[in-house]
Amino acid sequence: MYYATGRRKESTARVYLKPGKGEIIINEKPLDEYFKMREVYRIKVRKPLEVLGLNNKYRAECYVKGGGTTGQAEAIGLGIARCLANISEEYKKILRKYDLLTRDPREVERKHYNKHKARKAHQWHKR
């Protein structure tokens, strides 16, 4: 069994990868049930396995918390990619080529004083 952590925005995913038939379980639910709202999230989670052609060789158990659906999907994808990189140096090269091992460093900017949000200023008026 292989273990890795993936993070994105405020989300953290713990991923356990073991030999199996290609099922991906997230917080005790199947992938299609957990991310049923948009196909894009399911694609992001499966991408590391598809790039290597290992769709039906491993079972991924993921526990994710924090953030929203986009952050969670990308955190799980990064966790799966890191697990696969631990398996083989050859896998690591391929995943690196597809930019799947890079953690996206973008975070939400904090709200600043005298502003509506981080950058949105109050509406200017002449009189």
N, C-alpha and C. Protein backbone atom coordinates (compact mmCIF):
# COMPACT_ATOMS: atom_id res chain seq x y z
N MET A 1 0.84 -1.18 0.00
CA MET A 1 0.00 0.00 0.00
C MET A 1 0.89 1.25 0.00
N TYR A 2 0.47 2.25 -0.74
CA TYR A 2 1.22 3.51 -0.84
C TYR A 2 0.36 4.63 -0.29
N TYR A 3 1.01 5.63 0.32
CA TYR A 3 0.30 6.75 0.93
C TYR A 3 0.92 8.06 0.48
N ALA A 4 0.07 9.06 0.23
CA ALA A 4 0.56 10.41 -0.09
C ALA A 4 -0.51 11.42 0.28
N THR A 5 -0.09 12.67 0.43
CA THR A 5 -0.99 13.76 0.76
C THR A 5 -1.01 14.74 -0.40
N GLY A 6 -2.20 15.21 -0.74
CA GLY A 6 -2.34 16.24 -1.77
C GLY A 6 -3.05 17.44 -1.19
N ARG A 7 -2.63 18.63 -1.57
CA ARG A 7 -3.26 19.85 -1.07
C ARG A 7 -3.55 20.81 -2.22
N ARG A 8 -4.62 21.59 -2.07
CA ARG A 8 -4.97 22.63 -3.03
C ARG A 8 -5.90 23.59 -2.33
N LYS A 9 -5.61 24.89 -2.39
CA LYS A 9 -6.38 25.92 -1.68
C LYS A 9 -6.50 25.52 -0.21
N GLU A 10 -7.72 25.34 0.28
CA GLU A 10 -7.90 24.97 1.70
C GLU A 10 -8.14 23.47 1.87
N SER A 11 -8.03 22.70 0.82
CA SER A 11 -8.35 21.27 0.88
C SER A 11 -7.11 20.43 1.12
N THR A 12 -7.29 19.36 1.88
CA THR A 12 -6.23 18.39 2.14
C THR A 12 -6.78 17.00 1.89
N ALA A 13 -6.08 16.22 1.08
CA ALA A 13 -6.52 14.86 0.77
C ALA A 13 -5.44 13.86 1.19
N ARG A 14 -5.86 12.85 1.94
CA ARG A 14 -4.98 11.73 2.27
C ARG A 14 -5.36 10.58 1.36
N VAL A 15 -4.40 10.08 0.60
CA VAL A 15 -4.69 9.07 -0.43
C VAL A 15 -3.92 7.78 -0.12
N TYR A 16 -4.65 6.67 -0.11
CA TYR A 16 -4.06 5.34 0.07
C TYR A 16 -4.28 4.57 -1.22
N LEU A 17 -3.20 4.10 -1.82
CA LEU A 17 -3.28 3.39 -3.10
C LEU A 17 -2.86 1.94 -2.89
N LYS A 18 -3.71 1.01 -3.31
CA LYS A 18 -3.38 -0.41 -3.19
C LYS A 18 -3.86 -1.14 -4.43
N PRO A 19 -3.33 -2.31 -4.71
CA PRO A 19 -3.77 -3.06 -5.89
C PRO A 19 -5.28 -3.32 -5.84
N GLY A 20 -5.92 -3.17 -6.98
CA GLY A 20 -7.37 -3.36 -7.03
C GLY A 20 -7.87 -3.34 -8.46
N LYS A 21 -9.15 -2.99 -8.60
CA LYS A 21 -9.79 -3.02 -9.92
C LYS A 21 -10.12 -1.64 -10.46
N GLY A 22 -9.49 -0.60 -9.93
CA GLY A 22 -9.67 0.74 -10.48
C GLY A 22 -10.72 1.59 -9.80
N GLU A 23 -11.26 1.13 -8.68
CA GLU A 23 -12.27 1.94 -8.01
C GLU A 23 -11.61 3.05 -7.18
N ILE A 24 -12.26 4.19 -7.12
CA ILE A 24 -11.78 5.33 -6.35
C ILE A 24 -12.86 5.67 -5.33
N ILE A 25 -12.51 5.55 -4.06
CA ILE A 25 -13.44 5.81 -2.97
C ILE A 25 -13.02 7.09 -2.27
N ILE A 26 -13.96 8.04 -2.13
CA ILE A 26 -13.67 9.31 -1.48
C ILE A 26 -14.62 9.47 -0.30
N ASN A 27 -14.05 9.59 0.89
CA ASN A 27 -14.84 9.72 2.13
C ASN A 27 -15.96 8.67 2.19
N GLU A 28 -15.58 7.42 1.92
CA GLU A 28 -16.48 6.26 1.99
C GLU A 28 -17.56 6.26 0.90
N LYS A 29 -17.43 7.08 -0.14
CA LYS A 29 -18.37 7.10 -1.26
C LYS A 29 -17.61 6.87 -2.56
N PRO A 30 -18.26 6.25 -3.55
CA PRO A 30 -17.61 6.10 -4.86
C PRO A 30 -17.40 7.47 -5.51
N LEU A 31 -16.42 7.55 -6.39
CA LEU A 31 -16.08 8.81 -7.07
C LEU A 31 -17.28 9.44 -7.75
N ASP A 32 -18.06 8.64 -8.49
CA ASP A 32 -19.19 9.18 -9.24
C ASP A 32 -20.29 9.72 -8.33
N GLU A 33 -20.38 9.19 -7.13
CA GLU A 33 -21.39 9.68 -6.18
C GLU A 33 -20.90 10.94 -5.46
N TYR A 34 -19.60 10.98 -5.16
CA TYR A 34 -19.05 12.13 -4.42
C TYR A 34 -19.00 13.37 -5.29
N PHE A 35 -18.55 13.22 -6.55
CA PHE A 35 -18.48 14.34 -7.49
C PHE A 35 -19.53 14.15 -8.59
N LYS A 36 -20.80 14.09 -8.22
CA LYS A 36 -21.82 13.86 -9.24
C LYS A 36 -22.23 15.14 -9.97
N MET A 37 -21.85 16.30 -9.46
CA MET A 37 -22.31 17.55 -10.06
C MET A 37 -21.61 17.88 -11.37
N ARG A 38 -20.31 17.65 -11.47
CA ARG A 38 -19.59 18.02 -12.70
C ARG A 38 -18.59 16.94 -13.11
N GLU A 39 -18.57 16.66 -14.40
CA GLU A 39 -17.66 15.66 -14.96
C GLU A 39 -16.20 16.10 -14.84
N VAL A 40 -15.96 17.42 -14.84
CA VAL A 40 -14.60 17.95 -14.80
C VAL A 40 -13.85 17.45 -13.56
N TYR A 41 -14.55 17.40 -12.42
CA TYR A 41 -13.91 16.95 -11.18
C TYR A 41 -13.51 15.49 -11.27
N ARG A 42 -14.36 14.67 -11.86
CA ARG A 42 -14.03 13.24 -12.01
C ARG A 42 -12.84 13.05 -12.94
N ILE A 43 -12.75 13.88 -13.98
CA ILE A 43 -11.61 13.81 -14.91
C ILE A 43 -10.32 14.18 -14.20
N LYS A 44 -10.36 15.24 -13.37
CA LYS A 44 -9.16 15.69 -12.65
C LYS A 44 -8.64 14.62 -11.69
N VAL A 45 -9.57 13.91 -11.06
CA VAL A 45 -9.17 12.86 -10.11
C VAL A 45 -8.55 11.67 -10.84
N ARG A 46 -9.13 11.29 -11.99
CA ARG A 46 -8.66 10.11 -12.73
C ARG A 46 -7.43 10.35 -13.59
N LYS A 47 -7.11 11.60 -13.86
CA LYS A 47 -6.06 11.93 -14.84
C LYS A 47 -4.72 11.25 -14.58
N PRO A 48 -4.17 11.24 -13.35
CA PRO A 48 -2.87 10.57 -13.15
C PRO A 48 -2.89 9.09 -13.53
N LEU A 49 -3.98 8.40 -13.25
CA LEU A 49 -4.09 6.98 -13.60
C LEU A 49 -4.22 6.79 -15.11
N GLU A 50 -4.97 7.67 -15.76
CA GLU A 50 -5.18 7.56 -17.20
C GLU A 50 -3.90 7.84 -17.99
N VAL A 51 -3.12 8.81 -17.52
CA VAL A 51 -1.86 9.15 -18.20
C VAL A 51 -0.93 7.95 -18.23
N LEU A 52 -0.92 7.18 -17.14
CA LEU A 52 -0.04 6.01 -17.05
C LEU A 52 -0.70 4.74 -17.57
N GLY A 53 -1.98 4.81 -17.90
CA GLY A 53 -2.70 3.63 -18.37
C GLY A 53 -2.94 2.60 -17.28
N LEU A 54 -3.16 3.06 -16.07
CA LEU A 54 -3.34 2.16 -14.92
C LEU A 54 -4.75 2.23 -14.36
N ASN A 55 -5.74 2.51 -15.21
CA ASN A 55 -7.12 2.70 -14.74
C ASN A 55 -7.65 1.53 -13.92
N ASN A 56 -7.30 0.31 -14.28
CA ASN A 56 -7.89 -0.86 -13.63
C ASN A 56 -6.89 -1.65 -12.80
N LYS A 57 -5.80 -1.02 -12.37
CA LYS A 57 -4.79 -1.76 -11.61
C LYS A 57 -4.74 -1.40 -10.13
N TYR A 58 -5.23 -0.21 -9.77
CA TYR A 58 -5.12 0.24 -8.38
C TYR A 58 -6.46 0.70 -7.84
N ARG A 59 -6.62 0.56 -6.53
CA ARG A 59 -7.79 1.06 -5.80
C ARG A 59 -7.31 2.22 -4.95
N ALA A 60 -7.98 3.35 -5.06
CA ALA A 60 -7.59 4.54 -4.29
C ALA A 60 -8.64 4.83 -3.24
N GLU A 61 -8.20 4.91 -1.99
CA GLU A 61 -9.08 5.33 -0.90
C GLU A 61 -8.61 6.71 -0.46
N CYS A 62 -9.52 7.68 -0.56
CA CYS A 62 -9.16 9.07 -0.29
C CYS A 62 -10.02 9.62 0.83
N TYR A 63 -9.39 10.39 1.70
CA TYR A 63 -10.10 11.09 2.76
C TYR A 63 -9.75 12.56 2.60
N VAL A 64 -10.75 13.36 2.25
CA VAL A 64 -10.50 14.76 1.93
C VAL A 64 -11.36 15.63 2.83
N LYS A 65 -10.77 16.77 3.24
CA LYS A 65 -11.53 17.71 4.07
C LYS A 65 -11.12 19.13 3.72
N GLY A 66 -11.99 20.06 4.01
CA GLY A 66 -11.71 21.47 3.80
C GLY A 66 -11.92 21.92 2.38
N GLY A 67 -12.15 23.22 2.22
CA GLY A 67 -12.27 23.81 0.90
C GLY A 67 -13.54 23.44 0.17
N GLY A 68 -13.58 23.72 -1.12
CA GLY A 68 -14.74 23.42 -1.95
C GLY A 68 -14.45 22.26 -2.89
N THR A 69 -15.35 22.05 -3.81
CA THR A 69 -15.24 20.88 -4.68
C THR A 69 -14.04 20.95 -5.62
N THR A 70 -13.74 22.14 -6.15
CA THR A 70 -12.59 22.27 -7.06
C THR A 70 -11.29 21.96 -6.33
N GLY A 71 -11.11 22.54 -5.16
CA GLY A 71 -9.91 22.30 -4.38
C GLY A 71 -9.78 20.85 -3.97
N GLN A 72 -10.90 20.24 -3.60
CA GLN A 72 -10.87 18.84 -3.18
C GLN A 72 -10.50 17.92 -4.35
N ALA A 73 -11.09 18.17 -5.51
CA ALA A 73 -10.79 17.32 -6.68
C ALA A 73 -9.31 17.42 -7.06
N GLU A 74 -8.76 18.62 -7.06
CA GLU A 74 -7.36 18.79 -7.44
C GLU A 74 -6.42 18.25 -6.37
N ALA A 75 -6.83 18.34 -5.09
CA ALA A 75 -6.01 17.78 -4.02
C ALA A 75 -5.95 16.25 -4.13
N ILE A 76 -7.07 15.62 -4.45
CA ILE A 76 -7.09 14.16 -4.61
C ILE A 76 -6.24 13.75 -5.81
N GLY A 77 -6.35 14.48 -6.91
CA GLY A 77 -5.53 14.19 -8.09
C GLY A 77 -4.04 14.27 -7.78
N LEU A 78 -3.64 15.29 -7.03
CA LEU A 78 -2.23 15.42 -6.65
C LEU A 78 -1.80 14.29 -5.73
N GLY A 79 -2.67 13.90 -4.81
CA GLY A 79 -2.35 12.79 -3.90
C GLY A 79 -2.16 11.48 -4.66
N ILE A 80 -3.03 11.20 -5.61
CA ILE A 80 -2.91 9.97 -6.42
C ILE A 80 -1.62 10.01 -7.24
N ALA A 81 -1.31 11.17 -7.82
CA ALA A 81 -0.08 11.30 -8.61
C ALA A 81 1.16 11.07 -7.74
N ARG A 82 1.15 11.58 -6.53
CA ARG A 82 2.30 11.39 -5.63
C ARG A 82 2.44 9.93 -5.21
N CYS A 83 1.32 9.25 -5.00
CA CYS A 83 1.38 7.81 -4.69
C CYS A 83 2.01 7.04 -5.85
N LEU A 84 1.58 7.35 -7.06
CA LEU A 84 2.12 6.66 -8.23
C LEU A 84 3.60 6.97 -8.42
N ALA A 85 4.02 8.19 -8.08
CA ALA A 85 5.43 8.56 -8.19
C ALA A 85 6.28 7.76 -7.19
N ASN A 86 5.69 7.39 -6.05
CA ASN A 86 6.41 6.57 -5.06
C ASN A 86 6.61 5.14 -5.55
N ILE A 87 5.73 4.69 -6.42
CA ILE A 87 5.79 3.31 -6.90
C ILE A 87 7.00 3.10 -7.81
N SER A 88 7.19 4.02 -8.76
CA SER A 88 8.24 3.82 -9.76
C SER A 88 8.83 5.15 -10.20
N GLU A 89 10.12 5.14 -10.44
CA GLU A 89 10.81 6.32 -10.96
C GLU A 89 10.36 6.63 -12.39
N GLU A 90 10.01 5.58 -13.13
CA GLU A 90 9.51 5.76 -14.50
C GLU A 90 8.17 6.49 -14.50
N TYR A 91 7.29 6.11 -13.56
CA TYR A 91 6.00 6.79 -13.43
C TYR A 91 6.21 8.26 -13.10
N LYS A 92 7.19 8.52 -12.23
CA LYS A 92 7.46 9.88 -11.79
C LYS A 92 7.83 10.78 -12.96
N LYS A 93 8.66 10.26 -13.88
CA LYS A 93 9.07 11.04 -15.06
C LYS A 93 7.88 11.40 -15.93
N ILE A 94 6.98 10.43 -16.14
CA ILE A 94 5.82 10.66 -17.00
C ILE A 94 4.86 11.67 -16.34
N LEU A 95 4.62 11.49 -15.04
CA LEU A 95 3.73 12.41 -14.31
C LEU A 95 4.30 13.82 -14.29
N ARG A 96 5.61 13.93 -14.16
CA ARG A 96 6.27 15.24 -14.17
C ARG A 96 6.10 15.91 -15.53
N LYS A 97 6.18 15.11 -16.60
CA LYS A 97 6.03 15.63 -17.96
C LYS A 97 4.63 16.24 -18.16
N TYR A 98 3.62 15.60 -17.57
CA TYR A 98 2.24 16.10 -17.68
C TYR A 98 1.91 17.13 -16.60
N ASP A 99 2.90 17.53 -15.80
CA ASP A 99 2.75 18.55 -14.76
C ASP A 99 1.72 18.15 -13.70
N LEU A 100 1.71 16.87 -13.35
CA LEU A 100 0.75 16.38 -12.37
C LEU A 100 1.33 16.28 -10.96
N LEU A 101 2.62 16.52 -10.81
CA LEU A 101 3.24 16.44 -9.49
C LEU A 101 3.50 17.82 -8.87
N THR A 102 3.07 18.87 -9.54
CA THR A 102 3.31 20.22 -9.05
C THR A 102 2.11 20.68 -8.24
N ARG A 103 2.36 21.13 -7.02
CA ARG A 103 1.30 21.65 -6.17
C ARG A 103 1.00 23.07 -6.62
N ASP A 104 -0.27 23.37 -6.86
CA ASP A 104 -0.68 24.71 -7.28
C ASP A 104 -0.60 25.63 -6.06
N PRO A 105 0.29 26.62 -6.06
CA PRO A 105 0.52 27.43 -4.85
C PRO A 105 -0.49 28.55 -4.63
N ARG A 106 -1.42 28.74 -5.56
CA ARG A 106 -2.34 29.88 -5.44
C ARG A 106 -3.30 29.69 -4.26
N GLU A 107 -3.40 30.70 -3.44
CA GLU A 107 -4.29 30.71 -2.30
C GLU A 107 -5.17 31.95 -2.38
N VAL A 108 -6.25 31.97 -1.62
CA VAL A 108 -7.13 33.13 -1.60
C VAL A 108 -6.44 34.26 -0.84
N GLU A 109 -6.45 35.44 -1.44
CA GLU A 109 -5.83 36.61 -0.80
C GLU A 109 -6.74 37.09 0.33
N ARG A 110 -6.13 37.53 1.41
CA ARG A 110 -6.92 37.96 2.56
C ARG A 110 -7.65 39.27 2.28
N LYS A 111 -8.72 39.52 3.01
CA LYS A 111 -9.46 40.78 2.88
C LYS A 111 -8.63 41.88 3.53
N HIS A 112 -8.56 43.03 2.85
CA HIS A 112 -7.81 44.16 3.39
C HIS A 112 -8.76 45.19 3.96
N TYR A 113 -8.28 45.94 4.94
CA TYR A 113 -9.15 46.93 5.57
C TYR A 113 -9.50 48.02 4.57
N ASN A 114 -10.66 48.63 4.77
CA ASN A 114 -11.18 49.69 3.91
C ASN A 114 -11.49 49.20 2.49
N LYS A 115 -11.65 47.91 2.31
CA LYS A 115 -12.01 47.34 1.01
C LYS A 115 -13.21 46.42 1.22
N HIS A 116 -13.97 46.19 0.14
CA HIS A 116 -15.10 45.26 0.23
C HIS A 116 -14.59 43.83 0.34
N LYS A 117 -13.62 43.49 -0.53
CA LYS A 117 -13.01 42.16 -0.50
C LYS A 117 -11.50 42.38 -0.48
N ALA A 118 -10.75 41.46 -1.09
CA ALA A 118 -9.29 41.62 -1.06
C ALA A 118 -8.85 42.85 -1.84
N ARG A 119 -9.44 43.07 -3.02
CA ARG A 119 -9.01 44.18 -3.86
C ARG A 119 -10.14 45.13 -4.25
N LYS A 120 -11.38 44.70 -4.13
CA LYS A 120 -12.51 45.54 -4.56
C LYS A 120 -12.66 46.74 -3.63
N ALA A 121 -12.54 47.92 -4.23
CA ALA A 121 -12.62 49.15 -3.44
C ALA A 121 -14.05 49.65 -3.37
N HIS A 122 -14.30 50.62 -2.49
CA HIS A 122 -15.60 51.25 -2.41
C HIS A 122 -15.86 52.03 -3.69
N GLN A 123 -17.12 52.17 -4.04
CA GLN A 123 -17.46 52.89 -5.26
C GLN A 123 -17.15 54.37 -5.07
N TRP A 124 -16.49 54.95 -6.05
CA TRP A 124 -16.13 56.36 -6.00
C TRP A 124 -17.31 57.18 -6.46
N HIS A 125 -17.58 58.28 -5.76
CA HIS A 125 -18.61 59.19 -6.21
C HIS A 125 -18.10 60.62 -6.10
N LYS A 126 -18.53 61.46 -7.03
CA LYS A 126 -17.98 62.82 -7.13
C LYS A 126 -18.54 63.71 -6.04
N ARG A 127 -19.86 63.59 -5.74
CA ARG A 127 -20.48 64.47 -4.74
C ARG A 127 -21.17 63.66 -3.66
